[in-house]
Amino acid sequence: MSVMAIAKFERLFRSAAGVDVDKDDLRRFSEFLDGEIGDLLVRGQAVAKANGRDVLELWDIPVTKGLQECMHVFEKMDGDVELKPVLEQLTARPPLDVTYSDGLVAALPTLAGGLTVALARTMKIVDPEMKNPGSEHWERATQLFDLLL
């Protein structure tokens, strides 16, 4: 990831929840994003298949009210940060038994951005005094996401 992209991620976390991340946190972030996006897509695949479709649409993805709100927050913030192109490259699309619709592919960076905002806010809720997340913050936040998503 370029230095420019790292600075944008740092600014996004800081703006979303006052969390200061550094380039070492981006490896953890990438792993988090791959896991959560992958889980959401697998769940969406089950919904599409249950409805007799071989095309995975955005509405098949189980987006909660809170995640949807974080996606809207990200869209507003992205006007300043411009992370969608970077998130587009970072957002893995695991091979599934369905085809990804064009609309879903176009929405994945916003979904990833919403997860980013939710992650930063979750870390701050778990430890309101935290400024720089450590391993325990990443583990707790990931456990919460795994429990709820």
C-alpha atoms as a PDB file:
ATOM      1  CA  MET A   1       0.000   0.000   0.000  1.00  0.00           C
ATOM      2  CA  SER A   2       1.311   3.420  -0.882  1.00  0.00           C
ATOM      3  CA  VAL A   3       2.300   6.024   1.686  1.00  0.00           C
ATOM      4  CA  MET A   4      -0.578   8.181   0.447  1.00  0.00           C
ATOM      5  CA  ALA A   5      -3.086   5.357   1.057  1.00  0.00           C
ATOM      6  CA  ILE A   6      -1.674   4.735   4.547  1.00  0.00           C
ATOM      7  CA  ALA A   7      -2.169   8.399   5.420  1.00  0.00           C
ATOM      8  CA  LYS A   8      -5.774   8.225   4.180  1.00  0.00           C
ATOM      9  CA  PHE A   9      -6.509   5.203   6.371  1.00  0.00           C
ATOM     10  CA  GLU A  10      -4.965   6.922   9.350  1.00  0.00           C
ATOM     11  CA  ARG A  11      -7.183   9.946   8.716  1.00  0.00           C
ATOM     12  CA  LEU A  12     -10.305   7.791   8.324  1.00  0.00           C
ATOM     13  CA  PHE A  13      -9.765   6.003  11.665  1.00  0.00           C
ATOM     14  CA  ARG A  14      -9.008   9.306  13.377  1.00  0.00           C
ATOM     15  CA  SER A  15     -12.099  10.984  11.911  1.00  0.00           C
ATOM     16  CA  ALA A  16     -14.392   8.027  12.595  1.00  0.00           C
ATOM     17  CA  ALA A  17     -13.523   7.540  16.253  1.00  0.00           C
ATOM     18  CA  GLY A  18     -10.364   9.371  17.298  1.00  0.00           C
ATOM     19  CA  VAL A  19      -8.293   6.219  16.855  1.00  0.00           C
ATOM     20  CA  ASP A  20      -4.664   6.561  15.756  1.00  0.00           C
ATOM     21  CA  VAL A  21      -3.524   3.646  13.627  1.00  0.00           C
ATOM     22  CA  ASP A  22      -0.174   3.221  11.955  1.00  0.00           C
ATOM     23  CA  LYS A  23       1.120   1.201   9.023  1.00  0.00           C
ATOM     24  CA  ASP A  24       1.599  -1.864  11.251  1.00  0.00           C
ATOM     25  CA  ASP A  25      -2.128  -1.837  12.018  1.00  0.00           C
ATOM     26  CA  LEU A  26      -2.951  -2.019   8.322  1.00  0.00           C
ATOM     27  CA  ARG A  27      -1.969  -5.705   8.165  1.00  0.00           C
ATOM     28  CA  ARG A  28      -4.461  -6.450  10.933  1.00  0.00           C
ATOM     29  CA  PHE A  29      -7.017  -4.242   9.211  1.00  0.00           C
ATOM     30  CA  SER A  30      -6.576  -6.098   5.933  1.00  0.00           C
ATOM     31  CA  GLU A  31      -7.046  -9.457   7.688  1.00  0.00           C
ATOM     32  CA  PHE A  32     -10.134  -8.120   9.488  1.00  0.00           C
ATOM     33  CA  LEU A  33     -11.628  -6.804   6.257  1.00  0.00           C
ATOM     34  CA  ASP A  34     -10.979 -10.053   4.356  1.00  0.00           C
ATOM     35  CA  GLY A  35     -12.611 -12.077   7.113  1.00  0.00           C
ATOM     36  CA  GLU A  36     -15.688  -9.924   7.581  1.00  0.00           C
ATOM     37  CA  ILE A  37     -16.340  -9.307   3.884  1.00  0.00           C
ATOM     38  CA  GLY A  38     -15.841 -13.020   3.230  1.00  0.00           C
ATOM     39  CA  ASP A  39     -18.323 -13.944   5.980  1.00  0.00           C
ATOM     40  CA  LEU A  40     -20.906 -11.473   4.674  1.00  0.00           C
ATOM     41  CA  LEU A  41     -20.528 -12.771   1.115  1.00  0.00           C
ATOM     42  CA  VAL A  42     -20.864 -16.406   2.186  1.00  0.00           C
ATOM     43  CA  ARG A  43     -24.036 -15.535   4.094  1.00  0.00           C
ATOM     44  CA  GLY A  44     -25.314 -13.613   1.076  1.00  0.00           C
ATOM     45  CA  GLN A  45     -24.609 -16.624  -1.118  1.00  0.00           C
ATOM     46  CA  ALA A  46     -26.856 -18.728   1.133  1.00  0.00           C
ATOM     47  CA  VAL A  47     -29.646 -16.152   0.775  1.00  0.00           C
ATOM     48  CA  ALA A  48     -29.303 -16.013  -3.015  1.00  0.00           C
ATOM     49  CA  LYS A  49     -29.292 -19.822  -3.278  1.00  0.00           C
ATOM     50  CA  ALA A  50     -32.313 -20.081  -0.944  1.00  0.00           C
ATOM     51  CA  ASN A  51     -34.133 -17.730  -3.328  1.00  0.00           C
ATOM     52  CA  GLY A  52     -33.170 -19.863  -6.343  1.00  0.00           C
ATOM     53  CA  ARG A  53     -30.669 -17.395  -7.792  1.00  0.00           C
ATOM     54  CA  ASP A  54     -27.112 -17.871  -9.012  1.00  0.00           C
ATOM     55  CA  VAL A  55     -26.319 -14.149  -8.900  1.00  0.00           C
ATOM     56  CA  LEU A  56     -25.365 -12.541  -5.600  1.00  0.00           C
ATOM     57  CA  GLU A  57     -26.958  -9.119  -5.201  1.00  0.00           C
ATOM     58  CA  LEU A  58     -26.256  -6.410  -2.642  1.00  0.00           C
ATOM     59  CA  TRP A  59     -29.597  -7.016  -0.940  1.00  0.00           C
ATOM     60  CA  ASP A  60     -28.528 -10.626  -0.226  1.00  0.00           C
ATOM     61  CA  ILE A  61     -25.791  -9.382   2.099  1.00  0.00           C
ATOM     62  CA  PRO A  62     -26.966  -9.186   5.740  1.00  0.00           C
ATOM     63  CA  VAL A  63     -26.282  -5.511   6.355  1.00  0.00           C
ATOM     64  CA  THR A  64     -27.478  -4.468   9.805  1.00  0.00           C
ATOM     65  CA  LYS A  65     -28.932  -1.056  10.581  1.00  0.00           C
ATOM     66  CA  GLY A  66     -25.715  -0.064  12.358  1.00  0.00           C
ATOM     67  CA  LEU A  67     -23.511  -1.174   9.473  1.00  0.00           C
ATOM     68  CA  GLN A  68     -25.747   0.648   7.017  1.00  0.00           C
ATOM     69  CA  GLU A  69     -25.396   3.831   9.070  1.00  0.00           C
ATOM     70  CA  CYS A  70     -21.603   3.383   9.141  1.00  0.00           C
ATOM     71  CA  MET A  71     -21.652   2.973   5.357  1.00  0.00           C
ATOM     72  CA  HIS A  72     -23.465   6.319   5.062  1.00  0.00           C
ATOM     73  CA  VAL A  73     -20.941   7.930   7.422  1.00  0.00           C
ATOM     74  CA  PHE A  74     -18.117   6.515   5.302  1.00  0.00           C
ATOM     75  CA  GLU A  75     -19.656   7.878   2.099  1.00  0.00           C
ATOM     76  CA  LYS A  76     -19.801  11.360   3.624  1.00  0.00           C
ATOM     77  CA  MET A  77     -16.232  11.090   4.919  1.00  0.00           C
ATOM     78  CA  ASP A  78     -14.918   9.626   1.673  1.00  0.00           C
ATOM     79  CA  GLY A  79     -15.440  12.932  -0.091  1.00  0.00           C
ATOM     80  CA  ASP A  80     -12.447  14.186   1.897  1.00  0.00           C
ATOM     81  CA  VAL A  81     -10.490  10.951   2.300  1.00  0.00           C
ATOM     82  CA  GLU A  82     -11.042   9.346  -1.147  1.00  0.00           C
ATOM     83  CA  LEU A  83     -10.426   5.762  -0.043  1.00  0.00           C
ATOM     84  CA  LYS A  84     -12.893   3.977  -2.325  1.00  0.00           C
ATOM     85  CA  PRO A  85     -10.256   3.211  -4.986  1.00  0.00           C
ATOM     86  CA  VAL A  86      -7.923   1.755  -2.350  1.00  0.00           C
ATOM     87  CA  LEU A  87     -10.720  -0.248  -0.725  1.00  0.00           C
ATOM     88  CA  GLU A  88     -11.737  -1.530  -4.141  1.00  0.00           C
ATOM     89  CA  GLN A  89      -8.291  -3.111  -4.485  1.00  0.00           C
ATOM     90  CA  LEU A  90      -8.256  -4.399  -0.886  1.00  0.00           C
ATOM     91  CA  THR A  91     -11.720  -5.924  -0.945  1.00  0.00           C
ATOM     92  CA  ALA A  92     -11.266  -9.586  -1.740  1.00  0.00           C
ATOM     93  CA  ARG A  93     -13.995 -11.477  -3.527  1.00  0.00           C
ATOM     94  CA  PRO A  94     -13.637 -15.108  -2.553  1.00  0.00           C
ATOM     95  CA  PRO A  95     -14.688 -17.681  -5.141  1.00  0.00           C
ATOM     96  CA  LEU A  96     -18.287 -18.666  -4.451  1.00  0.00           C
ATOM     97  CA  ASP A  97     -20.915 -20.826  -6.152  1.00  0.00           C
ATOM     98  CA  VAL A  98     -22.662 -17.683  -7.373  1.00  0.00           C
ATOM     99  CA  THR A  99     -21.777 -14.819  -9.676  1.00  0.00           C
ATOM    100  CA  TYR A 100     -21.241 -11.367  -8.200  1.00  0.00           C
ATOM    101  CA  SER A 101     -23.634  -8.798  -9.662  1.00  0.00           C
ATOM    102  CA  ASP A 102     -22.160  -5.575 -11.014  1.00  0.00           C
ATOM    103  CA  GLY A 103     -24.124  -3.635  -8.386  1.00  0.00           C
ATOM    104  CA  LEU A 104     -22.621  -5.700  -5.574  1.00  0.00           C
ATOM    105  CA  VAL A 105     -19.095  -5.324  -6.942  1.00  0.00           C
ATOM    106  CA  ALA A 106     -19.595  -1.553  -7.161  1.00  0.00           C
ATOM    107  CA  ALA A 107     -20.907  -1.447  -3.562  1.00  0.00           C
ATOM    108  CA  LEU A 108     -18.109  -3.522  -1.982  1.00  0.00           C
ATOM    109  CA  PRO A 109     -15.777  -0.539  -1.334  1.00  0.00           C
ATOM    110  CA  THR A 110     -18.599   1.267   0.500  1.00  0.00           C
ATOM    111  CA  LEU A 111     -19.351  -1.896   2.486  1.00  0.00           C
ATOM    112  CA  ALA A 112     -15.650  -2.123   3.375  1.00  0.00           C
ATOM    113  CA  GLY A 113     -15.643   1.560   4.326  1.00  0.00           C
ATOM    114  CA  GLY A 114     -18.661   1.025   6.569  1.00  0.00           C
ATOM    115  CA  LEU A 115     -16.904  -1.884   8.242  1.00  0.00           C
ATOM    116  CA  THR A 116     -13.890   0.382   8.767  1.00  0.00           C
ATOM    117  CA  VAL A 117     -15.959   3.062  10.481  1.00  0.00           C
ATOM    118  CA  ALA A 118     -17.712   0.403  12.581  1.00  0.00           C
ATOM    119  CA  LEU A 119     -14.358  -1.147  13.532  1.00  0.00           C
ATOM    120  CA  ALA A 120     -12.881   2.168  14.669  1.00  0.00           C
ATOM    121  CA  ARG A 121     -16.000   2.978  16.691  1.00  0.00           C
ATOM    122  CA  THR A 122     -16.081  -0.505  18.210  1.00  0.00           C
ATOM    123  CA  MET A 123     -12.503  -0.141  19.414  1.00  0.00           C
ATOM    124  CA  LYS A 124     -13.394   3.164  21.037  1.00  0.00           C
ATOM    125  CA  ILE A 125     -16.468   1.664  22.732  1.00  0.00           C
ATOM    126  CA  VAL A 126     -14.439  -1.275  24.050  1.00  0.00           C
ATOM    127  CA  ASP A 127     -11.808   1.096  25.469  1.00  0.00           C
ATOM    128  CA  PRO A 128     -12.860   4.770  25.510  1.00  0.00           C
ATOM    129  CA  GLU A 129      -9.391   5.860  26.693  1.00  0.00           C
ATOM    130  CA  MET A 130      -7.564   4.037  23.896  1.00  0.00           C
ATOM    131  CA  LYS A 131      -5.683   6.165  21.383  1.00  0.00           C
ATOM    132  CA  ASN A 132      -3.499   3.606  19.601  1.00  0.00           C
ATOM    133  CA  PRO A 133      -5.005   0.126  19.277  1.00  0.00           C
ATOM    134  CA  GLY A 134      -2.896  -2.766  20.480  1.00  0.00           C
ATOM    135  CA  SER A 135      -3.284  -6.479  19.819  1.00  0.00           C
ATOM    136  CA  GLU A 136      -5.919  -6.815  22.535  1.00  0.00           C
ATOM    137  CA  HIS A 137      -8.068  -4.087  20.940  1.00  0.00           C
ATOM    138  CA  TRP A 138      -7.905  -5.764  17.551  1.00  0.00           C
ATOM    139  CA  GLU A 139      -8.742  -9.151  19.084  1.00  0.00           C
ATOM    140  CA  ARG A 140     -11.704  -7.823  21.085  1.00  0.00           C
ATOM    141  CA  ALA A 141     -13.127  -5.914  18.127  1.00  0.00           C
ATOM    142  CA  THR A 142     -12.738  -8.926  15.833  1.00  0.00           C
ATOM    143  CA  GLN A 143     -14.433 -11.168  18.402  1.00  0.00           C
ATOM    144  CA  LEU A 144     -17.363  -8.769  18.608  1.00  0.00           C
ATOM    145  CA  PHE A 145     -17.745  -8.656  14.838  1.00  0.00           C
ATOM    146  CA  ASP A 146     -17.525 -12.448  14.623  1.00  0.00           C
ATOM    147  CA  LEU A 147     -20.253 -12.708  17.253  1.00  0.00           C
ATOM    148  CA  LEU A 148     -22.608 -10.232  15.575  1.00  0.00           C
ATOM    149  CA  LEU A 149     -22.004 -10.574  11.828  1.00  0.00           C
END
